[in-house]
Amino acid sequence: MARALILVDVQKDFCPGGSLATERGDEVAGKIGAYQLSHGSEYDVVVATQDWHIDPGEHFSETPDFKNSWPIHCVADSDGAAMHDRINTDSIDEFFRKGHYTAAYSGFEGTAVSEELLMSPWLKNKGVTDVDIVGIATDHCVRATALDALKEGFNVSILTSMCSAVDFHAGDHALEELHEAGAILI
């Protein structure tokens, strides 16, 4: 019975100054970085997801609707795709990159950087049964990652103070949806 911490898309483009910034991105990144230092030893593994776009097609738009299409963000190998400076990347056991050629919201769509393995089998190979999820954005990638974690049979907790939404109302709605689906909100 192992436990994992999943950091969802805590990348520079999703924080103030980035091309698709959330209002609380810097604050949340700081809280997550501090949490890694104070609570990291409580986890058997720590993983991070990253949007890693090469050519995601209609996901990028010059006239985005901010639901299915977005401004250019997290282009592979760009500074905006890098993890936020406040994240302790040395303590991350694996990175899962997603959205190379399509829109990808869930971290469970991502492939491990060190091997061609999706997140669910990677976690299950480590004996993980419980996941705590933090990151950006509550109403999109955190939501999708948590829903997929539940579908894959993991016990899911969302550490809500360490999540940042694109839209506060939509973020609250996403947390309600996750709670109703079986996630524990902390």
C-alpha atoms as a PDB file:
ATOM      1  CA  MET A   1       0.000   0.000   0.000  1.00  0.00           C
ATOM      2  CA  ALA A   2       2.132   2.850  -1.333  1.00  0.00           C
ATOM      3  CA  ARG A   3       1.246   6.518  -1.617  1.00  0.00           C
ATOM      4  CA  ALA A   4       2.150   8.982  -4.375  1.00  0.00           C
ATOM      5  CA  LEU A   5       2.103  12.747  -4.660  1.00  0.00           C
ATOM      6  CA  ILE A   6       1.127  13.912  -8.150  1.00  0.00           C
ATOM      7  CA  LEU A   7       2.100  17.465  -9.149  1.00  0.00           C
ATOM      8  CA  VAL A   8      -0.081  18.454 -12.090  1.00  0.00           C
ATOM      9  CA  ASP A   9       1.339  20.946 -14.606  1.00  0.00           C
ATOM     10  CA  VAL A  10       3.073  23.329 -12.186  1.00  0.00           C
ATOM     11  CA  GLN A  11       4.726  24.986 -15.171  1.00  0.00           C
ATOM     12  CA  LYS A  12       5.830  28.548 -15.822  1.00  0.00           C
ATOM     13  CA  ASP A  13       3.256  29.172 -18.586  1.00  0.00           C
ATOM     14  CA  PHE A  14       0.431  28.514 -16.089  1.00  0.00           C
ATOM     15  CA  CYS A  15       1.757  31.044 -13.581  1.00  0.00           C
ATOM     16  CA  PRO A  16       1.760  34.867 -13.615  1.00  0.00           C
ATOM     17  CA  GLY A  17       3.916  36.072 -16.507  1.00  0.00           C
ATOM     18  CA  GLY A  18       3.204  32.914 -18.511  1.00  0.00           C
ATOM     19  CA  SER A  19       1.160  32.709 -21.684  1.00  0.00           C
ATOM     20  CA  LEU A  20      -1.792  31.006 -19.942  1.00  0.00           C
ATOM     21  CA  ALA A  21      -1.368  32.166 -16.350  1.00  0.00           C
ATOM     22  CA  THR A  22      -3.692  31.300 -13.493  1.00  0.00           C
ATOM     23  CA  GLU A  23      -4.070  34.011 -10.872  1.00  0.00           C
ATOM     24  CA  ARG A  24      -2.814  31.845  -7.999  1.00  0.00           C
ATOM     25  CA  GLY A  25      -0.119  29.975  -9.952  1.00  0.00           C
ATOM     26  CA  ASP A  26       2.884  31.458  -8.153  1.00  0.00           C
ATOM     27  CA  GLU A  27       1.212  31.132  -4.743  1.00  0.00           C
ATOM     28  CA  VAL A  28       0.318  27.488  -5.380  1.00  0.00           C
ATOM     29  CA  ALA A  29       3.802  26.686  -6.726  1.00  0.00           C
ATOM     30  CA  GLY A  30       5.307  28.162  -3.552  1.00  0.00           C
ATOM     31  CA  LYS A  31       2.969  26.134  -1.340  1.00  0.00           C
ATOM     32  CA  ILE A  32       3.740  22.942  -3.258  1.00  0.00           C
ATOM     33  CA  GLY A  33       7.489  23.557  -3.050  1.00  0.00           C
ATOM     34  CA  ALA A  34       7.253  24.093   0.720  1.00  0.00           C
ATOM     35  CA  TYR A  35       5.034  21.003   1.059  1.00  0.00           C
ATOM     36  CA  GLN A  36       7.598  18.913  -0.835  1.00  0.00           C
ATOM     37  CA  LEU A  37      10.237  19.932   1.715  1.00  0.00           C
ATOM     38  CA  SER A  38       8.041  19.396   4.785  1.00  0.00           C
ATOM     39  CA  HIS A  39       6.027  16.329   3.706  1.00  0.00           C
ATOM     40  CA  GLY A  40       7.936  14.744   0.805  1.00  0.00           C
ATOM     41  CA  SER A  41       9.253  11.917   2.957  1.00  0.00           C
ATOM     42  CA  GLU A  42       5.655  10.795   3.619  1.00  0.00           C
ATOM     43  CA  TYR A  43       5.340   9.638  -0.003  1.00  0.00           C
ATOM     44  CA  ASP A  44       6.718   6.497  -1.588  1.00  0.00           C
ATOM     45  CA  VAL A  45       6.928   8.286  -4.956  1.00  0.00           C
ATOM     46  CA  VAL A  46       6.509  11.824  -6.255  1.00  0.00           C
ATOM     47  CA  VAL A  47       5.590  12.366  -9.891  1.00  0.00           C
ATOM     48  CA  ALA A  48       4.897  15.434 -11.994  1.00  0.00           C
ATOM     49  CA  THR A  49       2.933  15.948 -15.164  1.00  0.00           C
ATOM     50  CA  GLN A  50       3.827  18.468 -17.851  1.00  0.00           C
ATOM     51  CA  ASP A  51       1.970  19.792 -20.847  1.00  0.00           C
ATOM     52  CA  TRP A  52       4.573  19.200 -23.567  1.00  0.00           C
ATOM     53  CA  HIS A  53       3.149  20.418 -26.856  1.00  0.00           C
ATOM     54  CA  ILE A  54       4.904  19.839 -30.177  1.00  0.00           C
ATOM     55  CA  ASP A  55       1.986  20.318 -32.574  1.00  0.00           C
ATOM     56  CA  PRO A  56      -1.316  19.887 -30.726  1.00  0.00           C
ATOM     57  CA  GLY A  57      -3.439  20.986 -33.685  1.00  0.00           C
ATOM     58  CA  GLU A  58      -6.648  22.842 -32.838  1.00  0.00           C
ATOM     59  CA  HIS A  59      -5.709  22.895 -29.132  1.00  0.00           C
ATOM     60  CA  PHE A  60      -3.775  26.074 -29.990  1.00  0.00           C
ATOM     61  CA  SER A  61      -5.731  28.985 -31.425  1.00  0.00           C
ATOM     62  CA  GLU A  62      -5.223  32.664 -32.197  1.00  0.00           C
ATOM     63  CA  THR A  63      -8.865  33.126 -31.120  1.00  0.00           C
ATOM     64  CA  PRO A  64      -9.140  30.666 -28.211  1.00  0.00           C
ATOM     65  CA  ASP A  65     -12.455  29.838 -26.555  1.00  0.00           C
ATOM     66  CA  PHE A  66     -10.657  28.859 -23.299  1.00  0.00           C
ATOM     67  CA  LYS A  67     -12.613  25.591 -23.163  1.00  0.00           C
ATOM     68  CA  ASN A  68     -11.330  23.533 -26.096  1.00  0.00           C
ATOM     69  CA  SER A  69      -8.780  25.893 -27.610  1.00  0.00           C
ATOM     70  CA  TRP A  70      -6.083  27.927 -25.899  1.00  0.00           C
ATOM     71  CA  PRO A  71      -3.286  30.407 -26.585  1.00  0.00           C
ATOM     72  CA  ILE A  72       0.069  28.812 -27.380  1.00  0.00           C
ATOM     73  CA  HIS A  73       1.512  27.406 -24.148  1.00  0.00           C
ATOM     74  CA  CYS A  74       3.980  24.826 -22.835  1.00  0.00           C
ATOM     75  CA  VAL A  75       5.736  24.251 -26.141  1.00  0.00           C
ATOM     76  CA  ALA A  76       8.141  21.322 -25.755  1.00  0.00           C
ATOM     77  CA  ASP A  77      11.574  22.358 -24.464  1.00  0.00           C
ATOM     78  CA  SER A  78      10.514  26.008 -24.006  1.00  0.00           C
ATOM     79  CA  ASP A  79      11.024  28.002 -20.811  1.00  0.00           C
ATOM     80  CA  GLY A  80       7.235  28.132 -20.398  1.00  0.00           C
ATOM     81  CA  ALA A  81       7.055  24.324 -20.340  1.00  0.00           C
ATOM     82  CA  ALA A  82       9.625  24.151 -17.528  1.00  0.00           C
ATOM     83  CA  MET A  83       8.524  23.454 -13.977  1.00  0.00           C
ATOM     84  CA  HIS A  84       8.045  26.540 -11.802  1.00  0.00           C
ATOM     85  CA  ASP A  85      11.235  27.602 -10.025  1.00  0.00           C
ATOM     86  CA  ARG A  86       9.704  26.962  -6.586  1.00  0.00           C
ATOM     87  CA  ILE A  87       9.188  23.268  -7.309  1.00  0.00           C
ATOM     88  CA  ASN A  88      11.858  20.941  -5.956  1.00  0.00           C
ATOM     89  CA  THR A  89      12.440  18.971  -9.153  1.00  0.00           C
ATOM     90  CA  ASP A  90      15.220  16.902  -7.506  1.00  0.00           C
ATOM     91  CA  SER A  91      12.605  15.174  -5.357  1.00  0.00           C
ATOM     92  CA  ILE A  92      10.463  14.131  -8.353  1.00  0.00           C
ATOM     93  CA  ASP A  93      10.850  10.453  -9.197  1.00  0.00           C
ATOM     94  CA  GLU A  94       9.309  10.665 -12.675  1.00  0.00           C
ATOM     95  CA  PHE A  95       7.912  13.229 -15.111  1.00  0.00           C
ATOM     96  CA  PHE A  96       4.953  12.389 -17.360  1.00  0.00           C
ATOM     97  CA  ARG A  97       4.675  14.534 -20.477  1.00  0.00           C
ATOM     98  CA  LYS A  98       1.386  14.838 -22.340  1.00  0.00           C
ATOM     99  CA  GLY A  99      -0.226  16.534 -25.301  1.00  0.00           C
ATOM    100  CA  HIS A 100       2.545  16.235 -27.866  1.00  0.00           C
ATOM    101  CA  TYR A 101       0.177  16.144 -30.853  1.00  0.00           C
ATOM    102  CA  THR A 102      -3.265  16.494 -29.269  1.00  0.00           C
ATOM    103  CA  ALA A 103      -4.991  18.222 -26.419  1.00  0.00           C
ATOM    104  CA  ALA A 104      -4.284  16.219 -23.267  1.00  0.00           C
ATOM    105  CA  TYR A 105      -5.659  17.214 -19.910  1.00  0.00           C
ATOM    106  CA  SER A 106      -5.124  14.159 -17.726  1.00  0.00           C
ATOM    107  CA  GLY A 107      -1.712  13.225 -16.439  1.00  0.00           C
ATOM    108  CA  PHE A 108      -2.755   9.643 -17.107  1.00  0.00           C
ATOM    109  CA  GLU A 109      -2.409  10.441 -20.828  1.00  0.00           C
ATOM    110  CA  GLY A 110       1.250  11.286 -20.263  1.00  0.00           C
ATOM    111  CA  THR A 111       4.227   9.059 -20.900  1.00  0.00           C
ATOM    112  CA  ALA A 112       7.135   8.713 -18.488  1.00  0.00           C
ATOM    113  CA  VAL A 113      10.265  10.553 -19.582  1.00  0.00           C
ATOM    114  CA  SER A 114      12.579   7.686 -18.576  1.00  0.00           C
ATOM    115  CA  GLU A 115      10.574   4.910 -20.267  1.00  0.00           C
ATOM    116  CA  GLU A 116       7.619   4.467 -22.610  1.00  0.00           C
ATOM    117  CA  LEU A 117       5.078   3.835 -19.880  1.00  0.00           C
ATOM    118  CA  LEU A 118       1.817   5.593 -19.043  1.00  0.00           C
ATOM    119  CA  MET A 119       1.224   6.876 -15.509  1.00  0.00           C
ATOM    120  CA  SER A 120      -1.238   4.210 -14.313  1.00  0.00           C
ATOM    121  CA  PRO A 121       0.974   1.166 -14.981  1.00  0.00           C
ATOM    122  CA  TRP A 122       4.017   3.093 -13.738  1.00  0.00           C
ATOM    123  CA  LEU A 123       2.306   3.845 -10.407  1.00  0.00           C
ATOM    124  CA  LYS A 124       0.875   0.332 -10.117  1.00  0.00           C
ATOM    125  CA  ASN A 125       4.344  -1.139 -10.750  1.00  0.00           C
ATOM    126  CA  LYS A 126       5.476   0.836  -7.692  1.00  0.00           C
ATOM    127  CA  GLY A 127       2.619  -0.590  -5.617  1.00  0.00           C
ATOM    128  CA  VAL A 128       0.813   2.755  -5.377  1.00  0.00           C
ATOM    129  CA  THR A 129      -2.784   2.567  -4.168  1.00  0.00           C
ATOM    130  CA  ASP A 130      -3.302   6.125  -2.904  1.00  0.00           C
ATOM    131  CA  VAL A 131      -2.574   9.417  -4.647  1.00  0.00           C
ATOM    132  CA  ASP A 132      -2.597  12.990  -3.389  1.00  0.00           C
ATOM    133  CA  ILE A 133      -3.049  15.496  -6.207  1.00  0.00           C
ATOM    134  CA  VAL A 134      -1.990  19.157  -6.357  1.00  0.00           C
ATOM    135  CA  GLY A 135      -1.396  21.588  -9.201  1.00  0.00           C
ATOM    136  CA  ILE A 136      -2.762  23.638 -12.061  1.00  0.00           C
ATOM    137  CA  ALA A 137      -5.498  24.038 -13.203  1.00  0.00           C
ATOM    138  CA  THR A 138      -8.168  22.787 -10.838  1.00  0.00           C
ATOM    139  CA  ASP A 139     -10.905  23.067 -13.458  1.00  0.00           C
ATOM    140  CA  HIS A 140      -8.981  21.352 -16.263  1.00  0.00           C
ATOM    141  CA  CYS A 141      -5.875  19.194 -15.777  1.00  0.00           C
ATOM    142  CA  VAL A 142      -6.231  18.577 -12.022  1.00  0.00           C
ATOM    143  CA  ARG A 143      -9.874  17.593 -12.602  1.00  0.00           C
ATOM    144  CA  ALA A 144      -9.046  15.266 -15.520  1.00  0.00           C
ATOM    145  CA  THR A 145      -6.097  13.664 -13.717  1.00  0.00           C
ATOM    146  CA  ALA A 146      -8.151  13.030 -10.574  1.00  0.00           C
ATOM    147  CA  LEU A 147     -11.091  11.566 -12.520  1.00  0.00           C
ATOM    148  CA  ASP A 148      -8.745   9.221 -14.381  1.00  0.00           C
ATOM    149  CA  ALA A 149      -7.030   8.234 -11.123  1.00  0.00           C
ATOM    150  CA  LEU A 150     -10.431   7.259  -9.720  1.00  0.00           C
ATOM    151  CA  LYS A 151     -11.262   5.304 -12.891  1.00  0.00           C
ATOM    152  CA  GLU A 152      -7.940   3.466 -12.552  1.00  0.00           C
ATOM    153  CA  GLY A 153      -8.864   2.384  -9.018  1.00  0.00           C
ATOM    154  CA  PHE A 154      -6.631   4.685  -6.973  1.00  0.00           C
ATOM    155  CA  ASN A 155      -7.792   6.250  -3.714  1.00  0.00           C
ATOM    156  CA  VAL A 156      -7.663   9.974  -4.511  1.00  0.00           C
ATOM    157  CA  SER A 157      -7.201  13.011  -2.278  1.00  0.00           C
ATOM    158  CA  ILE A 158      -7.069  16.570  -3.606  1.00  0.00           C
ATOM    159  CA  LEU A 159      -5.017  19.003  -1.523  1.00  0.00           C
ATOM    160  CA  THR A 160      -7.246  21.948  -2.416  1.00  0.00           C
ATOM    161  CA  SER A 161      -5.107  24.785  -1.044  1.00  0.00           C
ATOM    162  CA  MET A 162      -2.374  23.717  -3.474  1.00  0.00           C
ATOM    163  CA  CYS A 163      -4.549  23.907  -6.601  1.00  0.00           C
ATOM    164  CA  SER A 164      -5.081  26.919  -8.855  1.00  0.00           C
ATOM    165  CA  ALA A 165      -8.069  27.303 -11.177  1.00  0.00           C
ATOM    166  CA  VAL A 166      -8.365  29.144 -14.478  1.00  0.00           C
ATOM    167  CA  ASP A 167     -11.834  30.263 -13.350  1.00  0.00           C
ATOM    168  CA  PHE A 168     -12.676  30.256  -9.636  1.00  0.00           C
ATOM    169  CA  HIS A 169     -16.333  29.263 -10.150  1.00  0.00           C
ATOM    170  CA  ALA A 170     -15.368  26.441 -12.508  1.00  0.00           C
ATOM    171  CA  GLY A 171     -12.664  25.363 -10.053  1.00  0.00           C
ATOM    172  CA  ASP A 172     -15.199  25.111  -7.220  1.00  0.00           C
ATOM    173  CA  HIS A 173     -17.542  23.158  -9.495  1.00  0.00           C
ATOM    174  CA  ALA A 174     -14.700  20.785 -10.440  1.00  0.00           C
ATOM    175  CA  LEU A 175     -13.929  20.130  -6.761  1.00  0.00           C
ATOM    176  CA  GLU A 176     -17.615  19.367  -6.095  1.00  0.00           C
ATOM    177  CA  GLU A 177     -17.627  16.989  -9.081  1.00  0.00           C
ATOM    178  CA  LEU A 178     -14.472  15.246  -7.828  1.00  0.00           C
ATOM    179  CA  HIS A 179     -15.911  14.879  -4.341  1.00  0.00           C
ATOM    180  CA  GLU A 180     -19.107  13.350  -5.772  1.00  0.00           C
ATOM    181  CA  ALA A 181     -16.952  10.971  -7.874  1.00  0.00           C
ATOM    182  CA  GLY A 182     -15.191   9.703  -4.743  1.00  0.00           C
ATOM    183  CA  ALA A 183     -12.180  11.961  -4.203  1.00  0.00           C
ATOM    184  CA  ILE A 184     -11.417  13.229  -0.721  1.00  0.00           C
ATOM    185  CA  LEU A 185     -10.996  17.005  -0.533  1.00  0.00           C
ATOM    186  CA  ILE A 186      -8.379  18.131   1.977  1.00  0.00           C
END
